[in-house]
Amino acid sequence: MDKDLERFVEYCKIDTQSNDTSDATPSEAKELNLTKLLYKQLKEMGLEAEIDQYGRLYSKLPGEKGLDVIGLNSHVDTALEVSGKNVKPQLISSYEGGVIKLNDEYSMSPSDFPRLKNYIGSDLIVTSGDTLLGGDDKAGVSIIMEVISYYVSHPEEKHHPIAILFTPDEEIGRGPEHFDAKKFGADYAYTVDGADVDMIEDENFNAAHADIVIEGVSIHPGEAKGKMINALRLCNEFDASLDPDAKPEYTSGREGFNHLMAMNGTAEKASMHYIIRNHDMDLLQKQKDEFVSIKHRLEAKYPKAKINLDIVDDYKNMHEVFLKDPRAVEHADEVFASLGITARHEPIRGGTDGATFSFNGCPTPNLGTGSYNHHGRFEYLSVKDYRKMIEIVKAIVKA
């Protein structure tokens, strides 16, 4: 493999899976194994670097005076859905367009993943079928490190001052925790944490979550008539009362949803956890109001039941920041155009650390990585797209 791919594979082999049940920061100490390697590599390049008490790695590459300081960010942790331990990336040279056998149990077919047809004749890096790959976001980490390495080894090439930030725990929604905009020192930045190479993502969901705890009345079922209030059934009734079309499996584009993530409990006491999403803040408020209305209706219907509803806002749509300060988006658009790329702007149906960074004073849209099918064993990296993203990010920070 060439050095850029060796770097990516090296990072993928390091288990950095975060933990959504941990209160520690980072949530898993093993995330620091990659962070410490990145620190070592940056120091070997001659850069100043610091890992703070929260596991955030800050660094800077000085550039031309008087130019905007451009920040680059990616996260070191990987998703929870599939194991990130003992990752064994496989290189598929000159993909022929057929079924890719990952192992004896799992294969990847272009009939199931049509995007594969775009890469016939190109190289791919895939999983062994036993784990995820970690392209989300080790492809982004690798792209940033390749760009920094390039400019360090080519001092004759002028570039913007570059602020670098690698964060843990993005996959569990805690990446922006303890973000220090002053220490980062960027005028604006880019998270390199997407997929498509022609995408500039400058709009994301407004997000909230709801936790509901219902206490019913438990009575022996033989004596339950007119007395029992089954908390599990009230949970089902609550869920059935929400807009039936506002579910992730029925929505796309800018359509919002209420997603039931978990329901646990017994007939006496049960709980539910929802995430609530909408690109439009007014529509998100209507969704939250619907939860409150259903709570009151069920309390009136079942006066002996206790229903506790807690709704918390998580993050906002960063698009409103770019309406006031469009520099990051406009700069990316200009760079894409100079490279002959027609940039696409589509709303992210999810969140991004850049949303929180943006509201903390550092406007931060998201760029692609060339990795796809994230969070699962069918994840893969298009070597062609990955290398294209390296060139795009080089151009973004070029003077």
Foldseek 3Di string as FASTA:
>chain_A
DDPLVVQLQVLLQQAAAADLVAPAQRRDPSLVVVVVVVCVLCVVLVWDWDQDPRRKIKTKDAFDPPDFAEEEEAESHAADQAGSHRWDKDKDAQAQQAWAQLEPPDIHGCVVVVCVVVAHGFMKIATSLRGHRPVQPSLSVSLVSVLVSVCSVVVVFGWHIYMYIYFYDVNSLCRLPPPDCVSSPGQAYAYAGAADQQEWEQWEKFKKKKKKKKFWFDDPVVPPVPNTQFQVVVVVVLVVQADPCQEPVNDDFQRWHKYWPDWDDGRGMIMTMIMTIGRDPVVSVVNVVSSVVSVVVVCVVRVRMDMDMDMGTRFHISNVLCVVVVVVVVLLCVLCVVVVRNHDYTYDHHDDSQRVVSVVNHRYIYGYRQWDPGPRNGIMHGPVSNVVNSVSVSSSGGD
